[in-house]
Protein backbone atom coordinates (compact mmCIF):
# COMPACT_ATOMS: atom_id res chain seq x y z
CA MET A 1 -41.32 -67.58 -9.11
CA SER A 2 -37.61 -68.36 -9.98
CA ALA A 3 -35.04 -65.05 -9.75
CA GLN A 4 -34.89 -65.18 -13.64
CA GLN A 5 -38.43 -64.44 -14.51
CA LYS A 6 -39.12 -61.54 -16.96
CA LEU A 7 -41.95 -59.26 -16.26
CA ASN A 8 -43.62 -57.33 -19.53
CA VAL A 9 -45.67 -54.78 -17.34
CA GLY A 10 -48.87 -53.30 -18.97
CA CYS A 11 -48.32 -55.39 -21.67
CA GLY A 12 -51.98 -54.96 -23.24
CA ARG A 13 -52.51 -56.68 -26.46
CA ASN A 14 -48.85 -57.02 -26.85
CA PRO A 15 -47.82 -60.25 -24.51
CA LEU A 16 -44.31 -61.85 -25.14
CA PRO A 17 -43.60 -65.21 -25.07
CA GLY A 18 -41.11 -66.28 -22.17
CA TRP A 19 -42.17 -63.39 -20.11
CA ILE A 20 -44.76 -63.05 -17.47
CA ASN A 21 -47.38 -60.65 -19.12
CA LEU A 22 -49.01 -58.24 -16.92
CA ASP A 23 -51.92 -55.91 -17.24
CA ALA A 24 -55.02 -54.30 -15.54
CA VAL A 25 -57.35 -56.20 -18.14
CA ALA A 26 -57.69 -60.02 -18.69
CA LEU A 27 -56.66 -59.90 -22.24
CA PRO A 28 -55.31 -62.72 -24.36
CA GLY A 29 -52.12 -63.90 -23.25
CA VAL A 30 -52.10 -61.90 -19.85
CA ASP A 31 -50.73 -63.97 -17.01
CA VAL A 32 -51.40 -61.63 -14.17
CA VAL A 33 -54.24 -59.05 -13.57
CA ALA A 34 -53.00 -56.22 -11.40
CA ASP A 35 -54.13 -52.36 -11.12
CA LEU A 36 -50.94 -50.57 -11.41
CA GLU A 37 -52.27 -47.49 -10.05
CA HIS A 38 -52.84 -48.76 -6.73
CA CYS A 39 -49.50 -50.64 -5.77
CA ALA A 40 -49.38 -48.70 -2.74
CA GLN A 41 -52.60 -50.58 -1.45
CA THR A 42 -52.35 -53.50 -3.38
CA PRO A 43 -49.02 -54.68 -4.04
CA LEU A 44 -48.35 -56.93 -7.29
CA PRO A 45 -49.27 -60.48 -6.81
CA LEU A 46 -45.04 -61.47 -7.05
CA SER A 47 -42.58 -62.60 -4.96
CA ASP A 48 -39.79 -60.35 -3.58
CA ASN A 49 -36.51 -60.57 -5.75
CA SER A 50 -38.22 -62.73 -8.42
CA ILE A 51 -37.97 -60.82 -11.52
CA SER A 52 -34.42 -60.11 -13.36
CA ASP A 53 -35.89 -58.15 -16.29
CA PHE A 54 -38.61 -55.63 -16.94
CA LEU A 55 -40.23 -54.08 -19.67
CA LEU A 56 -42.48 -51.06 -19.77
CA SER A 57 -43.59 -50.05 -23.24
CA HIS A 58 -45.70 -46.97 -23.32
CA VAL A 59 -47.02 -48.03 -19.87
CA LEU A 60 -45.53 -45.25 -17.49
CA GLU A 61 -47.28 -42.23 -18.96
CA HIS A 62 -50.62 -43.55 -18.13
CA ILE A 63 -49.88 -43.80 -14.56
CA GLU A 64 -50.90 -41.04 -12.53
CA ARG A 65 -48.94 -41.91 -9.50
CA PRO A 66 -45.72 -43.56 -10.55
CA LEU A 67 -43.61 -44.03 -7.46
CA PRO A 68 -45.81 -46.41 -5.53
CA LEU A 69 -45.62 -48.61 -8.93
CA MET A 70 -41.41 -48.19 -9.28
CA GLN A 71 -41.20 -48.88 -5.58
CA ASP A 72 -43.25 -52.25 -5.94
CA LEU A 73 -41.33 -53.32 -9.06
CA TRP A 74 -38.14 -52.51 -7.04
CA ARG A 75 -39.45 -54.68 -4.37
CA VAL A 76 -39.67 -57.77 -6.81
CA ALA A 77 -36.58 -57.07 -8.63
CA SER A 78 -33.46 -59.12 -7.95
CA PRO A 79 -30.50 -57.24 -7.27
CA GLY A 80 -29.00 -55.69 -10.57
CA ALA A 81 -32.57 -56.34 -12.56
CA ARG A 82 -32.53 -54.57 -15.64
CA MET A 83 -35.64 -52.29 -16.92
CA VAL A 84 -36.38 -50.84 -20.19
CA ILE A 85 -39.20 -48.02 -20.46
CA ARG A 86 -40.28 -46.56 -23.67
CA VAL A 87 -42.49 -43.61 -23.47
CA PRO A 88 -43.09 -40.69 -25.74
CA TYR A 89 -40.76 -37.79 -24.89
CA GLY A 90 -42.43 -34.99 -22.98
CA SER A 91 -42.59 -32.18 -25.29
CA SER A 92 -43.84 -34.09 -28.58
CA ASP A 93 -47.43 -33.86 -29.42
CA ASP A 94 -47.24 -37.68 -28.44
CA ALA A 95 -47.34 -37.10 -24.87
CA TYR A 96 -49.98 -34.52 -24.92
CA GLU A 97 -52.73 -35.73 -27.50
CA ASP A 98 -53.64 -39.17 -25.97
CA PRO A 99 -56.57 -38.00 -23.30
CA THR A 100 -55.18 -41.16 -21.26
CA HIS A 101 -51.55 -39.77 -20.63
CA ALA A 102 -51.25 -38.73 -17.19
CA ARG A 103 -47.67 -37.75 -16.89
CA ARG A 104 -44.76 -36.44 -19.23
CA TYR A 105 -41.16 -37.26 -18.92
CA PHE A 106 -37.84 -35.78 -20.28
CA LEU A 107 -34.24 -36.62 -19.82
CA GLY A 108 -34.25 -35.54 -16.09
CA SER A 109 -37.10 -37.41 -15.04
CA PHE A 110 -35.90 -41.20 -14.23
CA GLY A 111 -33.49 -40.00 -11.73
CA TYR A 112 -36.36 -39.63 -9.44
CA PHE A 113 -36.85 -43.27 -9.37
CA GLY A 114 -33.35 -43.38 -7.38
CA GLN A 115 -32.84 -42.68 -3.82
CA PRO A 116 -30.12 -40.00 -4.22
CA PHE A 117 -32.56 -37.62 -6.04
CA TYR A 118 -34.12 -37.37 -2.70
CA TRP A 119 -31.41 -35.76 -0.67
CA ARG A 120 -33.82 -32.36 -0.38
CA ALA A 121 -37.15 -33.98 0.62
CA ASP A 122 -38.50 -37.26 1.91
CA TYR A 123 -41.68 -38.22 -0.37
CA ALA A 124 -41.84 -41.77 1.28
CA TYR A 125 -40.48 -43.39 -1.82
CA ARG A 126 -38.12 -46.19 -1.04
CA GLY A 127 -37.27 -47.93 -4.48
CA ASP A 128 -34.08 -47.29 -6.04
CA TRP A 129 -33.31 -47.65 -9.93
CA GLN A 130 -30.26 -46.26 -11.59
CA PRO A 131 -30.95 -44.79 -15.08
CA GLU A 132 -27.95 -45.96 -17.20
CA ARG A 133 -28.87 -44.76 -20.84
CA ILE A 134 -31.45 -42.76 -22.33
CA THR A 135 -31.97 -43.10 -26.14
CA LEU A 136 -33.90 -40.60 -28.15
CA LEU A 137 -35.36 -41.57 -31.25
CA VAL A 138 -35.20 -38.82 -33.88
CA SER A 139 -36.14 -38.78 -37.50
CA LYS A 140 -33.49 -39.21 -39.96
CA ALA A 141 -35.30 -37.32 -42.65
CA LYS A 142 -35.59 -34.22 -40.59
CA HIS A 143 -32.24 -34.45 -38.80
CA LYS A 144 -29.80 -35.82 -41.54
CA GLY A 145 -26.60 -33.81 -41.52
CA ARG A 146 -26.95 -32.55 -38.06
CA SER A 147 -24.27 -33.16 -35.29
CA PRO A 148 -25.67 -34.92 -32.01
CA GLN A 149 -24.94 -31.49 -30.41
CA GLU A 150 -27.30 -29.86 -33.12
CA ILE A 151 -30.04 -32.56 -32.48
CA MET A 152 -29.59 -32.10 -28.86
CA GLN A 153 -29.97 -28.27 -28.93
CA ARG A 154 -33.25 -29.01 -30.98
CA VAL A 155 -34.22 -31.59 -28.43
CA MET A 156 -33.89 -28.99 -25.67
CA THR A 157 -35.64 -25.90 -27.33
CA LEU A 158 -38.44 -27.33 -29.97
CA ARG A 159 -41.45 -29.45 -29.74
CA ASN A 160 -41.56 -32.73 -31.76
CA VAL A 161 -37.93 -33.50 -32.38
CA VAL A 162 -38.21 -36.70 -30.47
CA GLN A 163 -40.18 -39.61 -31.70
CA GLU A 164 -39.90 -42.00 -28.74
CA MET A 165 -37.79 -41.99 -25.71
CA ILE A 166 -36.00 -45.32 -24.41
CA VAL A 167 -34.60 -45.73 -20.70
CA GLU A 168 -32.60 -48.24 -19.54
CA LEU A 169 -32.18 -48.68 -15.66
CA HIS A 170 -31.04 -51.31 -13.30
CA CYS A 171 -32.41 -52.01 -9.83
CA VAL A 172 -29.90 -51.19 -6.84
CA LYS A 173 -30.12 -53.09 -4.00
CA PRO A 174 -29.71 -52.42 -0.89
CA ALA A 175 -30.95 -49.04 -1.77
CA ARG A 176 -28.40 -46.13 -1.76
CA GLU A 177 -28.77 -43.12 0.79
CA PRO A 178 -30.69 -40.28 -0.42
CA ARG A 179 -27.35 -38.08 -0.77
CA ARG A 180 -26.85 -35.84 -3.80
CA GLU A 181 -23.20 -36.86 -4.32
CA LEU A 182 -24.51 -40.11 -5.22
CA GLN A 183 -26.50 -39.10 -8.33
CA GLN A 184 -25.15 -40.29 -11.54
CA ALA A 185 -26.34 -38.96 -14.81
CA PRO A 186 -26.99 -41.57 -17.64
CA GLU A 187 -25.42 -41.88 -20.86
CA ILE A 188 -27.68 -39.81 -23.36
CA LYS A 189 -27.63 -41.21 -26.76
CA VAL A 190 -29.63 -39.98 -30.30
CA GLN A 191 -30.49 -42.47 -32.65
CA LEU A 192 -31.62 -41.65 -35.98
CA VAL A 193 -34.60 -43.53 -37.47
């Protein structure tokens, strides 16, 4: 596969034209069938450095062990590849109610997909994704007239403020060293919908 391929990871019933659509089930439009839970034992059937763009829309929260998946996606990513992850925010009912959800994600969760966060311990994770921007989608009707600071205060203290979290990351190759001083905070944006 060429270096400019796009990968729709866990596409389910939403394959995208012009993308490689990957899922664990051979549904209509799925190009590659692979079990995302077992990437440590069975790597994805994709070439190293072959993917320039990734979409994981409401997939990651279903993965019990996300580090092997993120490491294998890093393997197939071209340097600087872009990734968009869409997940329910960890303190929303959406994150808890679905019995197929294995993990909850918060603002600080995505730094752990990058090497700088492993300055304290080595969990054998070797991928390196840098979160650039996290967009929190919140209800315009419930938060109209509130400042971004007021909304963020509510996000950090109340449940069901965020409807969805969209995370934009890029692939860092070669991987950075696991050093605390290399950690970079992403831009946090609140979007009223």
